Amino acid sequence: MTSILSVIALLFAMVCLSLAMQKHYKACFGGRLSDNKEKLFKVTGWLSITVSIGLVEPKGISYVVWICQLALMIFLQAWLLSAIAERKTNRKRSKR
């Protein structure tokens, strides 16, 4: 059960940390990211990463699995944000 919670916390952390970046926030929501929201996203993201790694069982291989999950989350999120940005770009082109 803790493994599932760790993955959920890691996913939430990656979402928060990517939305803390101006270009990713704009790609998803179309608006400008305020400084307060940026700080909130960063703090929440790093705290979620801390919680995620804290939920990992204290065995050597568990940390390796956690690192692999982190890499997978980053890849999936990059793919998803690229797909969202491309979709919005295609909508703008079709309106012209």
PDB file of N, CA and C in Angstrom:
ATOM      1  N   MET A   1       0.816  -1.196   0.000  1.00  0.00           N
ATOM      2  CA  MET A   1       0.000   0.000   0.000  1.00  0.00           C
ATOM      3  C   MET A   1       0.861   1.262   0.000  1.00  0.00           C
ATOM      4  N   THR A   2       1.954   1.211   0.759  1.00  0.00           N
ATOM      5  CA  THR A   2       2.819   2.404   0.802  1.00  0.00           C
ATOM      6  C   THR A   2       3.453   2.670  -0.555  1.00  0.00           C
ATOM      7  N   SER A   3       3.648   1.628  -1.344  1.00  0.00           N
ATOM      8  CA  SER A   3       4.221   1.811  -2.676  1.00  0.00           C
ATOM      9  C   SER A   3       3.280   2.621  -3.560  1.00  0.00           C
ATOM     10  N   ILE A   4       1.999   2.328  -3.482  1.00  0.00           N
ATOM     11  CA  ILE A   4       1.007   3.052  -4.274  1.00  0.00           C
ATOM     12  C   ILE A   4       0.930   4.505  -3.813  1.00  0.00           C
ATOM     13  N   LEU A   5       0.944   4.718  -2.506  1.00  0.00           N
ATOM     14  CA  LEU A   5       0.919   6.079  -1.982  1.00  0.00           C
ATOM     15  C   LEU A   5       2.164   6.853  -2.382  1.00  0.00           C
ATOM     16  N   SER A   6       3.298   6.169  -2.426  1.00  0.00           N
ATOM     17  CA  SER A   6       4.540   6.803  -2.842  1.00  0.00           C
ATOM     18  C   SER A   6       4.465   7.255  -4.300  1.00  0.00           C
ATOM     19  N   VAL A   7       3.905   6.420  -5.151  1.00  0.00           N
ATOM     20  CA  VAL A   7       3.767   6.764  -6.570  1.00  0.00           C
ATOM     21  C   VAL A   7       2.790   7.928  -6.745  1.00  0.00           C
ATOM     22  N   ILE A   8       1.703   7.913  -5.996  1.00  0.00           N
ATOM     23  CA  ILE A   8       0.727   9.009  -6.084  1.00  0.00           C
ATOM     24  C   ILE A   8       1.354  10.322  -5.629  1.00  0.00           C
ATOM     25  N   ALA A   9       2.104  10.278  -4.528  1.00  0.00           N
ATOM     26  CA  ALA A   9       2.778  11.488  -4.034  1.00  0.00           C
ATOM     27  C   ALA A   9       3.818  11.970  -5.044  1.00  0.00           C
ATOM     28  N   LEU A  10       4.515  11.037  -5.676  1.00  0.00           N
ATOM     29  CA  LEU A  10       5.509  11.399  -6.680  1.00  0.00           C
ATOM     30  C   LEU A  10       4.858  12.023  -7.906  1.00  0.00           C
ATOM     31  N   LEU A  11       3.751  11.475  -8.345  1.00  0.00           N
ATOM     32  CA  LEU A  11       3.026  12.031  -9.481  1.00  0.00           C
ATOM     33  C   LEU A  11       2.544  13.446  -9.168  1.00  0.00           C
ATOM     34  N   PHE A  12       1.981  13.624  -7.983  1.00  0.00           N
ATOM     35  CA  PHE A  12       1.521  14.946  -7.572  1.00  0.00           C
ATOM     36  C   PHE A  12       2.682  15.934  -7.511  1.00  0.00           C
ATOM     37  N   ALA A  13       3.830  15.481  -7.025  1.00  0.00           N
ATOM     38  CA  ALA A  13       5.013  16.340  -6.939  1.00  0.00           C
ATOM     39  C   ALA A  13       5.473  16.781  -8.316  1.00  0.00           C
ATOM     40  N   MET A  14       5.496  15.862  -9.267  1.00  0.00           N
ATOM     41  CA  MET A  14       5.945  16.210 -10.616  1.00  0.00           C
ATOM     42  C   MET A  14       4.986  17.196 -11.281  1.00  0.00           C
ATOM     43  N   VAL A  15       3.706  17.022 -11.037  1.00  0.00           N
ATOM     44  CA  VAL A  15       2.720  17.966 -11.582  1.00  0.00           C
ATOM     45  C   VAL A  15       2.949  19.347 -10.984  1.00  0.00           C
ATOM     46  N   CYS A  16       3.125  19.410  -9.682  1.00  0.00           N
ATOM     47  CA  CYS A  16       3.343  20.711  -9.022  1.00  0.00           C
ATOM     48  C   CYS A  16       4.623  21.379  -9.503  1.00  0.00           C
ATOM     49  N   LEU A  17       5.696  20.620  -9.582  1.00  0.00           N
ATOM     50  CA  LEU A  17       6.968  21.210  -9.994  1.00  0.00           C
ATOM     51  C   LEU A  17       6.957  21.663 -11.448  1.00  0.00           C
ATOM     52  N   SER A  18       6.265  20.936 -12.299  1.00  0.00           N
ATOM     53  CA  SER A  18       6.216  21.380 -13.695  1.00  0.00           C
ATOM     54  C   SER A  18       5.309  22.598 -13.856  1.00  0.00           C
ATOM     55  N   LEU A  19       4.219  22.643 -13.092  1.00  0.00           N
ATOM     56  CA  LEU A  19       3.336  23.814 -13.170  1.00  0.00           C
ATOM     57  C   LEU A  19       3.961  25.050 -12.534  1.00  0.00           C
ATOM     58  N   ALA A  20       5.017  24.860 -11.759  1.00  0.00           N
ATOM     59  CA  ALA A  20       5.738  26.003 -11.194  1.00  0.00           C
ATOM     60  C   ALA A  20       6.565  26.719 -12.254  1.00  0.00           C
ATOM     61  N   MET A  21       6.690  26.116 -13.423  1.00  0.00           N
ATOM     62  CA  MET A  21       7.423  26.742 -14.530  1.00  0.00           C
ATOM     63  C   MET A  21       6.440  27.515 -15.409  1.00  0.00           C
ATOM     64  N   GLN A  22       6.824  28.732 -15.744  1.00  0.00           N
ATOM     65  CA  GLN A  22       5.963  29.643 -16.489  1.00  0.00           C
ATOM     66  C   GLN A  22       5.456  29.029 -17.807  1.00  0.00           C
ATOM     67  N   LYS A  23       6.365  28.424 -18.579  1.00  0.00           N
ATOM     68  CA  LYS A  23       5.952  27.913 -19.895  1.00  0.00           C
ATOM     69  C   LYS A  23       4.995  26.727 -19.783  1.00  0.00           C
ATOM     70  N   HIS A  24       5.194  25.877 -18.780  1.00  0.00           N
ATOM     71  CA  HIS A  24       4.284  24.740 -18.608  1.00  0.00           C
ATOM     72  C   HIS A  24       2.921  25.202 -18.112  1.00  0.00           C
ATOM     73  N   TYR A  25       2.922  26.157 -17.202  1.00  0.00           N
ATOM     74  CA  TYR A  25       1.662  26.699 -16.695  1.00  0.00           C
ATOM     75  C   TYR A  25       0.876  27.354 -17.832  1.00  0.00           C
ATOM     76  N   LYS A  26       1.578  28.120 -18.659  1.00  0.00           N
ATOM     77  CA  LYS A  26       0.922  28.786 -19.783  1.00  0.00           C
ATOM     78  C   LYS A  26       0.400  27.779 -20.797  1.00  0.00           C
ATOM     79  N   ALA A  27       1.154  26.714 -21.032  1.00  0.00           N
ATOM     80  CA  ALA A  27       0.714  25.688 -21.981  1.00  0.00           C
ATOM     81  C   ALA A  27      -0.561  24.994 -21.508  1.00  0.00           C
ATOM     82  N   CYS A  28      -0.697  24.813 -20.215  1.00  0.00           N
ATOM     83  CA  CYS A  28      -1.876  24.124 -19.685  1.00  0.00           C
ATOM     84  C   CYS A  28      -3.068  25.046 -19.478  1.00  0.00           C
ATOM     85  N   PHE A  29      -2.819  26.244 -18.959  1.00  0.00           N
ATOM     86  CA  PHE A  29      -3.915  27.116 -18.555  1.00  0.00           C
ATOM     87  C   PHE A  29      -4.040  28.389 -19.375  1.00  0.00           C
ATOM     88  N   GLY A  30      -3.043  28.682 -20.193  1.00  0.00           N
ATOM     89  CA  GLY A  30      -3.125  29.834 -21.077  1.00  0.00           C
ATOM     90  C   GLY A  30      -2.893  31.176 -20.425  1.00  0.00           C
ATOM     91  N   GLY A  31      -2.660  31.203 -19.144  1.00  0.00           N
ATOM     92  CA  GLY A  31      -2.463  32.468 -18.446  1.00  0.00           C
ATOM     93  C   GLY A  31      -1.065  32.583 -17.868  1.00  0.00           C
ATOM     94  N   ARG A  32      -0.841  33.674 -17.181  1.00  0.00           N
ATOM     95  CA  ARG A  32       0.457  33.913 -16.555  1.00  0.00           C
ATOM     96  C   ARG A  32       0.440  33.405 -15.115  1.00  0.00           C
ATOM     97  N   LEU A  33       1.548  32.829 -14.705  1.00  0.00           N
ATOM     98  CA  LEU A  33       1.709  32.279 -13.366  1.00  0.00           C
ATOM     99  C   LEU A  33       2.161  33.391 -12.418  1.00  0.00           C
ATOM    100  N   SER A  34       1.411  33.603 -11.350  1.00  0.00           N
ATOM    101  CA  SER A  34       1.797  34.626 -10.369  1.00  0.00           C
ATOM    102  C   SER A  34       2.937  34.098  -9.500  1.00  0.00           C
ATOM    103  N   ASP A  35       3.650  35.023  -8.878  1.00  0.00           N
ATOM    104  CA  ASP A  35       4.779  34.640  -8.028  1.00  0.00           C
ATOM    105  C   ASP A  35       4.335  33.804  -6.828  1.00  0.00           C
ATOM    106  N   ASN A  36       3.193  34.138  -6.270  1.00  0.00           N
ATOM    107  CA  ASN A  36       2.688  33.373  -5.119  1.00  0.00           C
ATOM    108  C   ASN A  36       2.353  31.938  -5.498  1.00  0.00           C
ATOM    109  N   LYS A  37       1.711  31.762  -6.656  1.00  0.00           N
ATOM    110  CA  LYS A  37       1.381  30.405  -7.105  1.00  0.00           C
ATOM    111  C   LYS A  37       2.652  29.623  -7.418  1.00  0.00           C
ATOM    112  N   GLU A  38       3.626  30.300  -8.021  1.00  0.00           N
ATOM    113  CA  GLU A  38       4.883  29.627  -8.340  1.00  0.00           C
ATOM    114  C   GLU A  38       5.554  29.097  -7.078  1.00  0.00           C
ATOM    115  N   LYS A  39       5.630  29.917  -6.046  1.00  0.00           N
ATOM    116  CA  LYS A  39       6.227  29.489  -4.776  1.00  0.00           C
ATOM    117  C   LYS A  39       5.430  28.358  -4.145  1.00  0.00           C
ATOM    118  N   LEU A  40       4.107  28.471  -4.199  1.00  0.00           N
ATOM    119  CA  LEU A  40       3.247  27.424  -3.638  1.00  0.00           C
ATOM    120  C   LEU A  40       3.453  26.098  -4.363  1.00  0.00           C
ATOM    121  N   PHE A  41       3.505  26.135  -5.701  1.00  0.00           N
ATOM    122  CA  PHE A  41       3.736  24.917  -6.475  1.00  0.00           C
ATOM    123  C   PHE A  41       5.097  24.300  -6.146  1.00  0.00           C
ATOM    124  N   LYS A  42       6.122  25.134  -6.033  1.00  0.00           N
ATOM    125  CA  LYS A  42       7.460  24.612  -5.739  1.00  0.00           C
ATOM    126  C   LYS A  42       7.531  23.970  -4.355  1.00  0.00           C
ATOM    127  N   VAL A  43       7.014  24.658  -3.355  1.00  0.00           N
ATOM    128  CA  VAL A  43       7.056  24.127  -1.989  1.00  0.00           C
ATOM    129  C   VAL A  43       6.240  22.839  -1.903  1.00  0.00           C
ATOM    130  N   THR A  44       5.058  22.854  -2.487  1.00  0.00           N
ATOM    131  CA  THR A  44       4.202  21.656  -2.469  1.00  0.00           C
ATOM    132  C   THR A  44       4.870  20.495  -3.199  1.00  0.00           C
ATOM    133  N   GLY A  45       5.494  20.785  -4.333  1.00  0.00           N
ATOM    134  CA  GLY A  45       6.174  19.748  -5.101  1.00  0.00           C
ATOM    135  C   GLY A  45       7.315  19.108  -4.339  1.00  0.00           C
ATOM    136  N   TRP A  46       8.169  19.942  -3.733  1.00  0.00           N
ATOM    137  CA  TRP A  46       9.306  19.395  -2.997  1.00  0.00           C
ATOM    138  C   TRP A  46       8.855  18.669  -1.731  1.00  0.00           C
ATOM    139  N   LEU A  47       7.838  19.158  -1.075  1.00  0.00           N
ATOM    140  CA  LEU A  47       7.318  18.436   0.091  1.00  0.00           C
ATOM    141  C   LEU A  47       6.728  17.081  -0.315  1.00  0.00           C
ATOM    142  N   SER A  48       6.069  17.048  -1.466  1.00  0.00           N
ATOM    143  CA  SER A  48       5.496  15.786  -1.952  1.00  0.00           C
ATOM    144  C   SER A  48       6.588  14.788  -2.322  1.00  0.00           C
ATOM    145  N   ILE A  49       7.690  15.271  -2.870  1.00  0.00           N
ATOM    146  CA  ILE A  49       8.813  14.366  -3.162  1.00  0.00           C
ATOM    147  C   ILE A  49       9.371  13.801  -1.861  1.00  0.00           C
ATOM    148  N   THR A  50       9.482  14.645  -0.846  1.00  0.00           N
ATOM    149  CA  THR A  50       9.977  14.193   0.456  1.00  0.00           C
ATOM    150  C   THR A  50       9.043  13.135   1.053  1.00  0.00           C
ATOM    151  N   VAL A  51       7.746  13.372   0.964  1.00  0.00           N
ATOM    152  CA  VAL A  51       6.773  12.397   1.456  1.00  0.00           C
ATOM    153  C   VAL A  51       6.882  11.103   0.652  1.00  0.00           C
ATOM    154  N   SER A  52       7.017  11.225  -0.656  1.00  0.00           N
ATOM    155  CA  SER A  52       7.102  10.055  -1.520  1.00  0.00           C
ATOM    156  C   SER A  52       8.299   9.175  -1.166  1.00  0.00           C
ATOM    157  N   ILE A  53       9.451   9.782  -1.015  1.00  0.00           N
ATOM    158  CA  ILE A  53      10.635   8.977  -0.688  1.00  0.00           C
ATOM    159  C   ILE A  53      10.577   8.470   0.754  1.00  0.00           C
ATOM    160  N   GLY A  54       9.863   9.199   1.608  1.00  0.00           N
ATOM    161  CA  GLY A  54       9.684   8.731   2.979  1.00  0.00           C
ATOM    162  C   GLY A  54       8.785   7.514   3.076  1.00  0.00           C
ATOM    163  N   LEU A  55       7.919   7.324   2.098  1.00  0.00           N
ATOM    164  CA  LEU A  55       7.012   6.168   2.092  1.00  0.00           C
ATOM    165  C   LEU A  55       7.656   4.903   1.525  1.00  0.00           C
ATOM    166  N   VAL A  56       8.839   5.035   0.959  1.00  0.00           N
ATOM    167  CA  VAL A  56       9.531   3.878   0.372  1.00  0.00           C
ATOM    168  C   VAL A  56      10.066   2.990   1.497  1.00  0.00           C
ATOM    169  N   GLU A  57       9.941   1.684   1.302  1.00  0.00           N
ATOM    170  CA  GLU A  57      10.474   0.744   2.285  1.00  0.00           C
ATOM    171  C   GLU A  57      11.993   0.897   2.353  1.00  0.00           C
ATOM    172  N   PRO A  58      12.567   0.829   3.528  1.00  0.00           N
ATOM    173  CA  PRO A  58      14.017   1.050   3.661  1.00  0.00           C
ATOM    174  C   PRO A  58      14.853  -0.153   3.216  1.00  0.00           C
ATOM    175  N   LYS A  59      14.733  -0.495   1.965  1.00  0.00           N
ATOM    176  CA  LYS A  59      15.543  -1.551   1.361  1.00  0.00           C
ATOM    177  C   LYS A  59      16.251  -0.939   0.160  1.00  0.00           C
ATOM    178  N   GLY A  60      17.410  -1.422  -0.168  1.00  0.00           N
ATOM    179  CA  GLY A  60      18.198  -0.860  -1.265  1.00  0.00           C
ATOM    180  C   GLY A  60      17.479  -0.864  -2.597  1.00  0.00           C
ATOM    181  N   ILE A  61      16.858  -1.971  -2.937  1.00  0.00           N
ATOM    182  CA  ILE A  61      16.205  -2.087  -4.241  1.00  0.00           C
ATOM    183  C   ILE A  61      14.980  -1.182  -4.335  1.00  0.00           C
ATOM    184  N   SER A  62      14.355  -0.893  -3.199  1.00  0.00           N
ATOM    185  CA  SER A  62      13.179  -0.027  -3.210  1.00  0.00           C
ATOM    186  C   SER A  62      13.535   1.373  -3.685  1.00  0.00           C
ATOM    187  N   TYR A  63      14.721   1.847  -3.320  1.00  0.00           N
ATOM    188  CA  TYR A  63      15.147   3.167  -3.761  1.00  0.00           C
ATOM    189  C   TYR A  63      15.460   3.188  -5.257  1.00  0.00           C
ATOM    190  N   VAL A  64      15.961   2.078  -5.756  1.00  0.00           N
ATOM    191  CA  VAL A  64      16.202   1.965  -7.203  1.00  0.00           C
ATOM    192  C   VAL A  64      14.871   1.996  -7.951  1.00  0.00           C
ATOM    193  N   VAL A  65      13.894   1.283  -7.443  1.00  0.00           N
ATOM    194  CA  VAL A  65      12.560   1.289  -8.048  1.00  0.00           C
ATOM    195  C   VAL A  65      11.972   2.695  -7.996  1.00  0.00           C
ATOM    196  N   TRP A  66      12.181   3.405  -6.890  1.00  0.00           N
ATOM    197  CA  TRP A  66      11.671   4.774  -6.757  1.00  0.00           C
ATOM    198  C   TRP A  66      12.299   5.687  -7.804  1.00  0.00           C
ATOM    199  N   ILE A  67      13.603   5.558  -8.025  1.00  0.00           N
ATOM    200  CA  ILE A  67      14.287   6.364  -9.043  1.00  0.00           C
ATOM    201  C   ILE A  67      13.723   6.048 -10.433  1.00  0.00           C
ATOM    202  N   CYS A  68      13.458   4.777 -10.703  1.00  0.00           N
ATOM    203  CA  CYS A  68      12.853   4.394 -11.995  1.00  0.00           C
ATOM    204  C   CYS A  68      11.449   4.990 -12.132  1.00  0.00           C
ATOM    205  N   GLN A  69      10.694   4.992 -11.060  1.00  0.00           N
ATOM    206  CA  GLN A  69       9.367   5.599 -11.086  1.00  0.00           C
ATOM    207  C   GLN A  69       9.462   7.098 -11.331  1.00  0.00           C
ATOM    208  N   LEU A  70      10.440   7.732 -10.735  1.00  0.00           N
ATOM    209  CA  LEU A  70      10.663   9.162 -10.949  1.00  0.00           C
ATOM    210  C   LEU A  70      10.960   9.442 -12.418  1.00  0.00           C
ATOM    211  N   ALA A  71      11.842   8.657 -13.006  1.00  0.00           N
ATOM    212  CA  ALA A  71      12.172   8.839 -14.428  1.00  0.00           C
ATOM    213  C   ALA A  71      10.944   8.612 -15.299  1.00  0.00           C
ATOM    214  N   LEU A  72      10.145   7.612 -14.975  1.00  0.00           N
ATOM    215  CA  LEU A  72       8.930   7.344 -15.741  1.00  0.00           C
ATOM    216  C   LEU A  72       7.929   8.489 -15.613  1.00  0.00           C
ATOM    217  N   MET A  73       7.775   9.035 -14.429  1.00  0.00           N
ATOM    218  CA  MET A  73       6.864  10.172 -14.226  1.00  0.00           C
ATOM    219  C   MET A  73       7.304  11.382 -15.044  1.00  0.00           C
ATOM    220  N   ILE A  74       8.610  11.647 -15.051  1.00  0.00           N
ATOM    221  CA  ILE A  74       9.126  12.782 -15.818  1.00  0.00           C
ATOM    222  C   ILE A  74       8.864  12.574 -17.303  1.00  0.00           C
ATOM    223  N   PHE A  75       9.105  11.366 -17.797  1.00  0.00           N
ATOM    224  CA  PHE A  75       8.861  11.077 -19.214  1.00  0.00           C
ATOM    225  C   PHE A  75       7.382  11.226 -19.561  1.00  0.00           C
ATOM    226  N   LEU A  76       6.511  10.635 -18.761  1.00  0.00           N
ATOM    227  CA  LEU A  76       5.072  10.705 -19.038  1.00  0.00           C
ATOM    228  C   LEU A  76       4.553  12.135 -18.977  1.00  0.00           C
ATOM    229  N   GLN A  77       5.055  12.894 -18.031  1.00  0.00           N
ATOM    230  CA  GLN A  77       4.606  14.269 -17.907  1.00  0.00           C
ATOM    231  C   GLN A  77       5.094  15.122 -19.069  1.00  0.00           C
ATOM    232  N   ALA A  78       6.327  14.910 -19.499  1.00  0.00           N
ATOM    233  CA  ALA A  78       6.845  15.649 -20.657  1.00  0.00           C
ATOM    234  C   ALA A  78       6.023  15.321 -21.901  1.00  0.00           C
ATOM    235  N   TRP A  79       5.683  14.055 -22.052  1.00  0.00           N
ATOM    236  CA  TRP A  79       4.875  13.644 -23.201  1.00  0.00           C
ATOM    237  C   TRP A  79       3.485  14.274 -23.133  1.00  0.00           C
ATOM    238  N   LEU A  80       2.882  14.267 -21.957  1.00  0.00           N
ATOM    239  CA  LEU A  80       1.547  14.821 -21.788  1.00  0.00           C
ATOM    240  C   LEU A  80       1.535  16.328 -22.037  1.00  0.00           C
ATOM    241  N   LEU A  81       2.493  17.045 -21.469  1.00  0.00           N
ATOM    242  CA  LEU A  81       2.539  18.492 -21.678  1.00  0.00           C
ATOM    243  C   LEU A  81       2.797  18.836 -23.138  1.00  0.00           C
ATOM    244  N   SER A  82       3.609  18.038 -23.815  1.00  0.00           N
ATOM    245  CA  SER A  82       3.844  18.254 -25.252  1.00  0.00           C
ATOM    246  C   SER A  82       2.567  18.028 -26.049  1.00  0.00           C
ATOM    247  N   ALA A  83       1.827  17.008 -25.680  1.00  0.00           N
ATOM    248  CA  ALA A  83       0.570  16.718 -26.379  1.00  0.00           C
ATOM    249  C   ALA A  83      -0.443  17.830 -26.165  1.00  0.00           C
ATOM    250  N   ILE A  84      -0.515  18.355 -24.949  1.00  0.00           N
ATOM    251  CA  ILE A  84      -1.443  19.459 -24.657  1.00  0.00           C
ATOM    252  C   ILE A  84      -1.064  20.698 -25.447  1.00  0.00           C
ATOM    253  N   ALA A  85       0.226  21.021 -25.451  1.00  0.00           N
ATOM    254  CA  ALA A  85       0.683  22.212 -26.175  1.00  0.00           C
ATOM    255  C   ALA A  85       0.438  22.065 -27.681  1.00  0.00           C
ATOM    256  N   GLU A  86       0.682  20.882 -28.213  1.00  0.00           N
ATOM    257  CA  GLU A  86       0.463  20.646 -29.647  1.00  0.00           C
ATOM    258  C   GLU A  86      -1.022  20.750 -29.990  1.00  0.00           C
ATOM    259  N   ARG A  87      -1.847  20.236 -29.127  1.00  0.00           N
ATOM    260  CA  ARG A  87      -3.294  20.288 -29.356  1.00  0.00           C
ATOM    261  C   ARG A  87      -3.795  21.734 -29.377  1.00  0.00           C
ATOM    262  N   LYS A  88      -3.305  22.536 -28.446  1.00  0.00           N
ATOM    263  CA  LYS A  88      -3.700  23.945 -28.416  1.00  0.00           C
ATOM    264  C   LYS A  88      -3.184  24.686 -29.639  1.00  0.00           C
ATOM    265  N   THR A  89      -1.979  24.361 -30.073  1.00  0.00           N
ATOM    266  CA  THR A  89      -1.419  24.991 -31.275  1.00  0.00           C
ATOM    267  C   THR A  89      -2.249  24.634 -32.498  1.00  0.00           C
ATOM    268  N   ASN A  90      -2.656  23.379 -32.595  1.00  0.00           N
ATOM    269  CA  ASN A  90      -3.479  22.952 -33.733  1.00  0.00           C
ATOM    270  C   ASN A  90      -4.841  23.637 -33.728  1.00  0.00           C
ATOM    271  N   ARG A  91      -5.409  23.867 -32.549  1.00  0.00           N
ATOM    272  CA  ARG A  91      -6.690  24.582 -32.456  1.00  0.00           C
ATOM    273  C   ARG A  91      -6.557  26.017 -32.956  1.00  0.00           C
ATOM    274  N   LYS A  92      -5.474  26.667 -32.566  1.00  0.00           N
ATOM    275  CA  LYS A  92      -5.244  28.047 -32.992  1.00  0.00           C
ATOM    276  C   LYS A  92      -5.065  28.124 -34.502  1.00  0.00           C
ATOM    277  N   ARG A  93      -4.361  27.154 -35.076  1.00  0.00           N
ATOM    278  CA  ARG A  93      -4.144  27.135 -36.521  1.00  0.00           C
ATOM    279  C   ARG A  93      -5.453  26.903 -37.274  1.00  0.00           C
ATOM    280  N   SER A  94      -6.300  26.033 -36.725  1.00  0.00           N
ATOM    281  CA  SER A  94      -7.568  25.735 -37.422  1.00  0.00           C
ATOM    282  C   SER A  94      -8.542  26.898 -37.358  1.00  0.00           C
ATOM    283  N   LYS A  95      -8.420  27.749 -36.339  1.00  0.00           N
ATOM    284  CA  LYS A  95      -9.299  28.912 -36.233  1.00  0.00           C
ATOM    285  C   LYS A  95      -8.944  29.993 -37.247  1.00  0.00           C
ATOM    286  N   ARG A  96      -7.701  30.015 -37.679  1.00  0.00           N
ATOM    287  CA  ARG A  96      -7.266  31.036 -38.638  1.00  0.00           C
ATOM    288  C   ARG A  96      -7.779  30.715 -39.973  1.00  0.00           C
TER     289      ARG A  96
END
